[in-house]
Amino acid sequence: MMTQSYLNDLHELAFVYNEIKTYLPSFLKLFHCLKERHILNEKQISKFFRYANYDLADLTEFNVLVIT
């Protein structure tokens, strides 16, 4: 039997997919790139995007290739 929480999670997943579906290939490339470098927690991801916001050259601290 499906619980209300499960149904809410499915609804949220469908909403997120609808928001990113046109960018999904790029989103997945970024995710895999970050995952390979063990940049998975909120603090690390926040730091990554803080650097990306200012200068992509500074991303060498993370050894991340620029995704095109």
PDB file of N, CA and C in Angstrom:
ATOM      1  N   MET A   1       0.832  -1.177   0.000  1.00  0.00           N
ATOM      2  CA  MET A   1       0.000   0.000   0.000  1.00  0.00           C
ATOM      3  C   MET A   1       0.883   1.250   0.000  1.00  0.00           C
ATOM      4  N   MET A   2       0.549   2.207  -0.851  1.00  0.00           N
ATOM      5  CA  MET A   2       1.325   3.447  -0.932  1.00  0.00           C
ATOM      6  C   MET A   2       0.928   4.394   0.190  1.00  0.00           C
ATOM      7  N   THR A   3       1.937   4.933   0.846  1.00  0.00           N
ATOM      8  CA  THR A   3       1.671   5.889   1.906  1.00  0.00           C
ATOM      9  C   THR A   3       1.575   7.291   1.326  1.00  0.00           C
ATOM     10  N   GLN A   4       1.027   8.190   2.113  1.00  0.00           N
ATOM     11  CA  GLN A   4       0.915   9.586   1.679  1.00  0.00           C
ATOM     12  C   GLN A   4       2.294  10.181   1.433  1.00  0.00           C
ATOM     13  N   SER A   5       3.263   9.832   2.277  1.00  0.00           N
ATOM     14  CA  SER A   5       4.625  10.331   2.115  1.00  0.00           C
ATOM     15  C   SER A   5       5.217   9.890   0.776  1.00  0.00           C
ATOM     16  N   TYR A   6       4.997   8.623   0.422  1.00  0.00           N
ATOM     17  CA  TYR A   6       5.489   8.093  -0.852  1.00  0.00           C
ATOM     18  C   TYR A   6       4.863   8.842  -2.022  1.00  0.00           C
ATOM     19  N   LEU A   7       3.565   9.074  -1.942  1.00  0.00           N
ATOM     20  CA  LEU A   7       2.877   9.801  -3.010  1.00  0.00           C
ATOM     21  C   LEU A   7       3.365  11.241  -3.112  1.00  0.00           C
ATOM     22  N   ASN A   8       3.631  11.870  -1.967  1.00  0.00           N
ATOM     23  CA  ASN A   8       4.178  13.231  -1.975  1.00  0.00           C
ATOM     24  C   ASN A   8       5.559  13.258  -2.615  1.00  0.00           C
ATOM     25  N   ASP A   9       6.370  12.230  -2.308  1.00  0.00           N
ATOM     26  CA  ASP A   9       7.709  12.147  -2.906  1.00  0.00           C
ATOM     27  C   ASP A   9       7.627  11.984  -4.421  1.00  0.00           C
ATOM     28  N   LEU A  10       6.695  11.161  -4.884  1.00  0.00           N
ATOM     29  CA  LEU A  10       6.508  10.983  -6.325  1.00  0.00           C
ATOM     30  C   LEU A  10       6.064  12.280  -6.986  1.00  0.00           C
ATOM     31  N   HIS A  11       5.173  12.994  -6.327  1.00  0.00           N
ATOM     32  CA  HIS A  11       4.714  14.281  -6.855  1.00  0.00           C
ATOM     33  C   HIS A  11       5.883  15.263  -6.945  1.00  0.00           C
ATOM     34  N   GLU A  12       6.706  15.305  -5.894  1.00  0.00           N
ATOM     35  CA  GLU A  12       7.865  16.200  -5.887  1.00  0.00           C
ATOM     36  C   GLU A  12       8.861  15.816  -6.981  1.00  0.00           C
ATOM     37  N   LEU A  13       9.096  14.529  -7.165  1.00  0.00           N
ATOM     38  CA  LEU A  13       9.989  14.058  -8.217  1.00  0.00           C
ATOM     39  C   LEU A  13       9.469  14.466  -9.595  1.00  0.00           C
ATOM     40  N   ALA A  14       8.186  14.310  -9.824  1.00  0.00           N
ATOM     41  CA  ALA A  14       7.592  14.701 -11.100  1.00  0.00           C
ATOM     42  C   ALA A  14       7.724  16.207 -11.319  1.00  0.00           C
ATOM     43  N   PHE A  15       7.547  16.981 -10.266  1.00  0.00           N
ATOM     44  CA  PHE A  15       7.686  18.439 -10.356  1.00  0.00           C
ATOM     45  C   PHE A  15       9.124  18.823 -10.712  1.00  0.00           C
ATOM     46  N   VAL A  16      10.090  18.219 -10.023  1.00  0.00           N
ATOM     47  CA  VAL A  16      11.502  18.525 -10.286  1.00  0.00           C
ATOM     48  C   VAL A  16      11.863  18.123 -11.709  1.00  0.00           C
ATOM     49  N   TYR A  17      11.438  16.939 -12.126  1.00  0.00           N
ATOM     50  CA  TYR A  17      11.720  16.492 -13.496  1.00  0.00           C
ATOM     51  C   TYR A  17      11.162  17.476 -14.509  1.00  0.00           C
ATOM     52  N   ASN A  18       9.956  17.931 -14.298  1.00  0.00           N
ATOM     53  CA  ASN A  18       9.338  18.873 -15.220  1.00  0.00           C
ATOM     54  C   ASN A  18      10.140  20.169 -15.309  1.00  0.00           C
ATOM     55  N   GLU A  19      10.738  20.568 -14.197  1.00  0.00           N
ATOM     56  CA  GLU A  19      11.534  21.793 -14.164  1.00  0.00           C
ATOM     57  C   GLU A  19      12.866  21.643 -14.902  1.00  0.00           C
ATOM     58  N   ILE A  20      13.498  20.467 -14.838  1.00  0.00           N
ATOM     59  CA  ILE A  20      14.854  20.312 -15.383  1.00  0.00           C
ATOM     60  C   ILE A  20      14.932  19.449 -16.641  1.00  0.00           C
ATOM     61  N   LYS A  21      13.811  18.942 -17.134  1.00  0.00           N
ATOM     62  CA  LYS A  21      13.864  17.949 -18.214  1.00  0.00           C
ATOM     63  C   LYS A  21      14.629  18.422 -19.445  1.00  0.00           C
ATOM     64  N   THR A  22      14.555  19.691 -19.795  1.00  0.00           N
ATOM     65  CA  THR A  22      15.287  20.152 -20.978  1.00  0.00           C
ATOM     66  C   THR A  22      16.789  20.257 -20.702  1.00  0.00           C
ATOM     67  N   TYR A  23      17.163  20.314 -19.431  1.00  0.00           N
ATOM     68  CA  TYR A  23      18.574  20.426 -19.046  1.00  0.00           C
ATOM     69  C   TYR A  23      19.111  19.126 -18.470  1.00  0.00           C
ATOM     70  N   LEU A  24      18.341  18.072 -18.526  1.00  0.00           N
ATOM     71  CA  LEU A  24      18.711  16.817 -17.874  1.00  0.00           C
ATOM     72  C   LEU A  24      20.077  16.282 -18.311  1.00  0.00           C
ATOM     73  N   PRO A  25      20.410  16.250 -19.597  1.00  0.00           N
ATOM     74  CA  PRO A  25      21.742  15.740 -19.963  1.00  0.00           C
ATOM     75  C   PRO A  25      22.880  16.545 -19.315  1.00  0.00           C
ATOM     76  N   SER A  26      22.776  17.862 -19.314  1.00  0.00           N
ATOM     77  CA  SER A  26      23.811  18.688 -18.684  1.00  0.00           C
ATOM     78  C   SER A  26      23.814  18.509 -17.173  1.00  0.00           C
ATOM     79  N   PHE A  27      22.636  18.427 -16.589  1.00  0.00           N
ATOM     80  CA  PHE A  27      22.511  18.217 -15.154  1.00  0.00           C
ATOM     81  C   PHE A  27      23.165  16.903 -14.745  1.00  0.00           C
ATOM     82  N   LEU A  28      22.937  15.847 -15.520  1.00  0.00           N
ATOM     83  CA  LEU A  28      23.530  14.550 -15.213  1.00  0.00           C
ATOM     84  C   LEU A  28      25.040  14.560 -15.396  1.00  0.00           C
ATOM     85  N   LYS A  29      25.547  15.268 -16.413  1.00  0.00           N
ATOM     86  CA  LYS A  29      26.998  15.397 -16.584  1.00  0.00           C
ATOM     87  C   LYS A  29      27.619  16.079 -15.376  1.00  0.00           C
ATOM     88  N   LEU A  30      26.984  17.154 -14.929  1.00  0.00           N
ATOM     89  CA  LEU A  30      27.484  17.861 -13.748  1.00  0.00           C
ATOM     90  C   LEU A  30      27.438  16.961 -12.528  1.00  0.00           C
ATOM     91  N   PHE A  31      26.332  16.260 -12.333  1.00  0.00           N
ATOM     92  CA  PHE A  31      26.201  15.359 -11.193  1.00  0.00           C
ATOM     93  C   PHE A  31      27.299  14.303 -11.196  1.00  0.00           C
ATOM     94  N   HIS A  32      27.531  13.664 -12.338  1.00  0.00           N
ATOM     95  CA  HIS A  32      28.553  12.617 -12.416  1.00  0.00           C
ATOM     96  C   HIS A  32      29.949  13.189 -12.193  1.00  0.00           C
ATOM     97  N   CYS A  33      30.197  14.367 -12.710  1.00  0.00           N
ATOM     98  CA  CYS A  33      31.483  15.026 -12.500  1.00  0.00           C
ATOM     99  C   CYS A  33      31.716  15.294 -11.013  1.00  0.00           C
ATOM    100  N   LEU A  34      30.714  15.825 -10.346  1.00  0.00           N
ATOM    101  CA  LEU A  34      30.827  16.096  -8.908  1.00  0.00           C
ATOM    102  C   LEU A  34      30.923  14.802  -8.116  1.00  0.00           C
ATOM    103  N   LYS A  35      30.162  13.802  -8.506  1.00  0.00           N
ATOM    104  CA  LYS A  35      30.175  12.520  -7.803  1.00  0.00           C
ATOM    105  C   LYS A  35      31.542  11.851  -7.894  1.00  0.00           C
ATOM    106  N   GLU A  36      32.164  11.884  -9.073  1.00  0.00           N
ATOM    107  CA  GLU A  36      33.497  11.299  -9.251  1.00  0.00           C
ATOM    108  C   GLU A  36      34.522  11.936  -8.322  1.00  0.00           C
ATOM    109  N   ARG A  37      34.299  13.205  -8.003  1.00  0.00           N
ATOM    110  CA  ARG A  37      35.229  13.944  -7.146  1.00  0.00           C
ATOM    111  C   ARG A  37      34.760  14.019  -5.703  1.00  0.00           C
ATOM    112  N   HIS A  38      33.745  13.227  -5.386  1.00  0.00           N
ATOM    113  CA  HIS A  38      33.201  13.139  -4.028  1.00  0.00           C
ATOM    114  C   HIS A  38      32.729  14.483  -3.492  1.00  0.00           C
ATOM    115  N   ILE A  39      32.193  15.292  -4.380  1.00  0.00           N
ATOM    116  CA  ILE A  39      31.592  16.575  -3.992  1.00  0.00           C
ATOM    117  C   ILE A  39      30.090  16.332  -3.945  1.00  0.00           C
ATOM    118  N   LEU A  40      29.634  15.788  -2.815  1.00  0.00           N
ATOM    119  CA  LEU A  40      28.250  15.352  -2.756  1.00  0.00           C
ATOM    120  C   LEU A  40      27.439  15.995  -1.639  1.00  0.00           C
ATOM    121  N   ASN A  41      28.108  16.535  -0.635  1.00  0.00           N
ATOM    122  CA  ASN A  41      27.285  17.103   0.437  1.00  0.00           C
ATOM    123  C   ASN A  41      26.975  18.569   0.160  1.00  0.00           C
ATOM    124  N   GLU A  42      26.008  19.075   0.874  1.00  0.00           N
ATOM    125  CA  GLU A  42      25.502  20.430   0.619  1.00  0.00           C
ATOM    126  C   GLU A  42      26.591  21.492   0.759  1.00  0.00           C
ATOM    127  N   LYS A  43      27.462  21.338   1.749  1.00  0.00           N
ATOM    128  CA  LYS A  43      28.533  22.313   1.974  1.00  0.00           C
ATOM    129  C   LYS A  43      29.506  22.342   0.793  1.00  0.00           C
ATOM    130  N   GLN A  44      29.900  21.176   0.310  1.00  0.00           N
ATOM    131  CA  GLN A  44      30.825  21.099  -0.824  1.00  0.00           C
ATOM    132  C   GLN A  44      30.191  21.644  -2.095  1.00  0.00           C
ATOM    133  N   ILE A  45      28.947  21.307  -2.338  1.00  0.00           N
ATOM    134  CA  ILE A  45      28.258  21.782  -3.541  1.00  0.00           C
ATOM    135  C   ILE A  45      28.081  23.289  -3.487  1.00  0.00           C
ATOM    136  N   SER A  46      27.756  23.807  -2.314  1.00  0.00           N
ATOM    137  CA  SER A  46      27.612  25.249  -2.142  1.00  0.00           C
ATOM    138  C   SER A  46      28.935  25.959  -2.440  1.00  0.00           C
ATOM    139  N   LYS A  47      30.036  25.395  -1.935  1.00  0.00           N
ATOM    140  CA  LYS A  47      31.359  25.981  -2.185  1.00  0.00           C
ATOM    141  C   LYS A  47      31.696  25.923  -3.675  1.00  0.00           C
ATOM    142  N   PHE A  48      31.386  24.805  -4.318  1.00  0.00           N
ATOM    143  CA  PHE A  48      31.619  24.655  -5.752  1.00  0.00           C
ATOM    144  C   PHE A  48      30.918  25.759  -6.537  1.00  0.00           C
ATOM    145  N   PHE A  49      29.643  25.971  -6.244  1.00  0.00           N
ATOM    146  CA  PHE A  49      28.890  26.989  -6.977  1.00  0.00           C
ATOM    147  C   PHE A  49      29.302  28.406  -6.610  1.00  0.00           C
ATOM    148  N   ARG A  50      29.778  28.597  -5.392  1.00  0.00           N
ATOM    149  CA  ARG A  50      30.290  29.909  -5.014  1.00  0.00           C
ATOM    150  C   ARG A  50      31.513  30.242  -5.869  1.00  0.00           C
ATOM    151  N   TYR A  51      32.406  29.278  -6.055  1.00  0.00           N
ATOM    152  CA  TYR A  51      33.562  29.487  -6.927  1.00  0.00           C
ATOM    153  C   TYR A  51      33.114  29.701  -8.369  1.00  0.00           C
ATOM    154  N   ALA A  52      32.187  28.887  -8.828  1.00  0.00           N
ATOM    155  CA  ALA A  52      31.726  28.979 -10.214  1.00  0.00           C
ATOM    156  C   ALA A  52      31.079  30.323 -10.495  1.00  0.00           C
ATOM    157  N   ASN A  53      30.471  30.903  -9.489  1.00  0.00           N
ATOM    158  CA  ASN A  53      29.810  32.192  -9.658  1.00  0.00           C
ATOM    159  C   ASN A  53      30.814  33.309  -9.914  1.00  0.00           C
ATOM    160  N   TYR A  54      32.027  33.155  -9.401  1.00  0.00           N
ATOM    161  CA  TYR A  54      33.027  34.220  -9.531  1.00  0.00           C
ATOM    162  C   TYR A  54      34.031  33.983 -10.649  1.00  0.00           C
ATOM    163  N   ASP A  55      34.562  32.782 -10.715  1.00  0.00           N
ATOM    164  CA  ASP A  55      35.606  32.539 -11.701  1.00  0.00           C
ATOM    165  C   ASP A  55      35.777  31.045 -11.926  1.00  0.00           C
ATOM    166  N   LEU A  56      35.496  30.590 -13.131  1.00  0.00           N
ATOM    167  CA  LEU A  56      35.633  29.170 -13.415  1.00  0.00           C
ATOM    168  C   LEU A  56      37.068  28.687 -13.288  1.00  0.00           C
ATOM    169  N   ALA A  57      38.025  29.571 -13.467  1.00  0.00           N
ATOM    170  CA  ALA A  57      39.431  29.168 -13.328  1.00  0.00           C
ATOM    171  C   ALA A  57      39.737  28.714 -11.906  1.00  0.00           C
ATOM    172  N   ASP A  58      39.044  29.257 -10.915  1.00  0.00           N
ATOM    173  CA  ASP A  58      39.273  28.879  -9.528  1.00  0.00           C
ATOM    174  C   ASP A  58      38.789  27.472  -9.205  1.00  0.00           C
ATOM    175  N   LEU A  59      38.079  26.844 -10.125  1.00  0.00           N
ATOM    176  CA  LEU A  59      37.568  25.508  -9.875  1.00  0.00           C
ATOM    177  C   LEU A  59      38.669  24.453  -9.906  1.00  0.00           C
ATOM    178  N   THR A  60      39.903  24.858 -10.183  1.00  0.00           N
ATOM    179  CA  THR A  60      41.003  23.893 -10.178  1.00  0.00           C
ATOM    180  C   THR A  60      41.198  23.290  -8.793  1.00  0.00           C
ATOM    181  N   GLU A  61      40.736  23.981  -7.756  1.00  0.00           N
ATOM    182  CA  GLU A  61      40.810  23.417  -6.398  1.00  0.00           C
ATOM    183  C   GLU A  61      40.047  22.107  -6.348  1.00  0.00           C
ATOM    184  N   PHE A  62      38.996  21.993  -7.150  1.00  0.00           N
ATOM    185  CA  PHE A  62      38.178  20.797  -7.173  1.00  0.00           C
ATOM    186  C   PHE A  62      38.601  19.836  -8.262  1.00  0.00           C
ATOM    187  N   ASN A  63      39.556  20.230  -9.113  1.00  0.00           N
ATOM    188  CA  ASN A  63      39.946  19.421 -10.265  1.00  0.00           C
ATOM    189  C   ASN A  63      38.739  19.085 -11.140  1.00  0.00           C
ATOM    190  N   VAL A  64      37.925  20.053 -11.379  1.00  0.00           N
ATOM    191  CA  VAL A  64      36.714  19.866 -12.178  1.00  0.00           C
ATOM    192  C   VAL A  64      36.936  20.437 -13.569  1.00  0.00           C
ATOM    193  N   LEU A  65      36.619  19.650 -14.554  1.00  0.00           N
ATOM    194  CA  LEU A  65      36.685  20.132 -15.930  1.00  0.00           C
ATOM    195  C   LEU A  65      35.451  20.961 -16.207  1.00  0.00           C
ATOM    196  N   VAL A  66      35.591  21.967 -17.016  1.00  0.00           N
ATOM    197  CA  VAL A  66      34.444  22.765 -17.418  1.00  0.00           C
ATOM    198  C   VAL A  66      33.582  21.917 -18.341  1.00  0.00           C
ATOM    199  N   ILE A  67      32.309  21.853 -18.043  1.00  0.00           N
ATOM    200  CA  ILE A  67      31.372  21.031 -18.821  1.00  0.00           C
ATOM    201  C   ILE A  67      30.751  21.887 -19.893  1.00  0.00           C
ATOM    202  N   THR A  68      30.855  21.431 -21.124  1.00  0.00           N
ATOM    203  CA  THR A  68      30.250  22.183 -22.231  1.00  0.00           C
ATOM    204  C   THR A  68      29.166  21.372 -22.878  1.00  0.00           C
TER     205      THR A  68
END
